[in-house]
Amino acid sequence: MEIRLNQEMLDALKQAKHIPNDVQKDIDAARPEPGVSPARYRLHLSDDEAMELSELLQWHVRTDPATGQASVETAAYADLIRLIMETQL
């Protein structure tokens, strides 16, 4: 599976805690797509790694009680979960 990330999503992944080594290697290997501005990064994951990452990120998402939406600090994680789910369909 290939997921295209923006810089904010990649930075959030690099800040996430408890990422398994196999998934961390994939994150570290994400490279920018040539000629695309703003920069987009290709993240290659197996289906199992994508599910693993999605489940882990769900623990990181916090919602704003007033809006029910992901907090500003965790919105990138919620966006990543959504991208993984859309890519799996």
Protein backbone atom coordinates (compact mmCIF):
# COMPACT_ATOMS: atom_id res chain seq x y z
CA MET A 1 0.00 0.00 0.00
CA GLU A 2 1.22 3.48 -0.81
CA ILE A 3 0.08 6.53 1.12
CA ARG A 4 0.95 10.07 0.13
CA LEU A 5 1.71 12.30 3.08
CA ASN A 6 2.18 16.02 3.43
CA GLN A 7 5.00 17.45 5.56
CA GLU A 8 2.73 17.92 8.59
CA MET A 9 1.69 14.25 8.55
CA LEU A 10 5.27 13.05 8.18
CA ASP A 11 6.39 15.28 11.04
CA ALA A 12 3.55 13.95 13.22
CA LEU A 13 4.57 10.36 12.48
CA LYS A 14 8.12 11.14 13.50
CA GLN A 15 6.79 12.45 16.83
CA ALA A 16 4.48 9.48 17.53
CA LYS A 17 5.43 7.17 20.37
CA HIS A 18 5.78 3.38 20.35
CA ILE A 19 6.02 2.93 16.57
CA PRO A 20 7.11 -0.68 15.87
CA ASN A 21 10.56 -1.02 14.29
CA ASP A 22 9.27 -2.41 10.99
CA VAL A 23 6.88 0.52 10.53
CA GLN A 24 9.48 3.03 11.73
CA LYS A 25 11.85 1.83 8.98
CA ASP A 26 9.12 2.51 6.41
CA ILE A 27 8.50 5.98 7.84
CA ASP A 28 12.22 6.76 7.76
CA ALA A 29 12.33 5.59 4.13
CA ALA A 30 9.51 7.94 2.99
CA ARG A 31 10.83 10.11 0.19
CA PRO A 32 9.43 13.23 -1.46
CA GLU A 33 7.75 12.89 -4.82
CA PRO A 34 9.85 14.69 -7.41
CA GLY A 35 8.43 17.86 -8.92
CA VAL A 36 5.50 18.14 -6.50
CA SER A 37 4.98 21.37 -4.60
CA PRO A 38 4.19 21.53 -1.75
CA ALA A 39 6.19 18.43 -0.95
CA ARG A 40 4.32 15.13 -0.78
CA TYR A 41 5.95 11.99 0.58
CA ARG A 42 5.35 8.38 -0.44
CA LEU A 43 4.99 5.96 2.45
CA HIS A 44 5.01 2.28 1.49
CA LEU A 45 3.38 -0.09 3.99
CA SER A 46 2.11 -3.65 3.84
CA ASP A 47 -1.57 -4.08 4.66
CA ASP A 48 -0.62 -5.44 8.09
CA GLU A 49 1.72 -2.53 8.78
CA ALA A 50 -0.96 -0.05 7.72
CA MET A 51 -3.49 -1.64 10.09
CA GLU A 52 -0.90 -1.68 12.86
CA LEU A 53 -0.10 2.00 12.32
CA SER A 54 -3.78 2.97 12.15
CA GLU A 55 -4.54 1.22 15.43
CA LEU A 56 -1.54 2.80 17.12
CA LEU A 57 -2.44 6.29 15.91
CA GLN A 58 -5.97 5.92 17.27
CA TRP A 59 -4.41 5.98 20.74
CA HIS A 60 -2.78 9.32 19.92
CA VAL A 61 -5.92 11.13 18.70
CA ARG A 62 -7.56 13.43 21.23
CA THR A 63 -10.82 15.23 20.57
CA ASP A 64 -11.90 18.72 21.46
CA PRO A 65 -14.87 18.34 23.84
CA ALA A 66 -16.55 21.44 22.42
CA THR A 67 -16.51 20.30 18.79
CA GLY A 68 -16.02 16.53 18.91
CA GLN A 69 -13.29 16.95 16.28
CA ALA A 70 -9.66 15.92 16.59
CA SER A 71 -7.66 18.49 18.53
CA VAL A 72 -5.29 20.73 16.61
CA GLU A 73 -2.36 18.81 18.10
CA THR A 74 -3.66 15.43 16.91
CA ALA A 75 -5.46 16.32 13.67
CA ALA A 76 -2.57 14.97 11.57
CA TYR A 77 -2.99 11.55 13.21
CA ALA A 78 -6.73 11.58 12.45
CA ASP A 79 -5.95 12.52 8.84
CA LEU A 80 -3.47 9.64 8.58
CA ILE A 81 -6.03 7.17 9.93
CA ARG A 82 -8.53 8.42 7.34
CA LEU A 83 -5.97 8.07 4.52
CA ILE A 84 -5.14 4.52 5.54
CA MET A 85 -8.81 3.58 5.65
CA GLU A 86 -9.47 5.15 2.23
CA THR A 87 -6.47 3.40 0.70
CA GLN A 88 -7.59 0.03 2.05
CA LEU A 89 -10.98 0.29 0.33
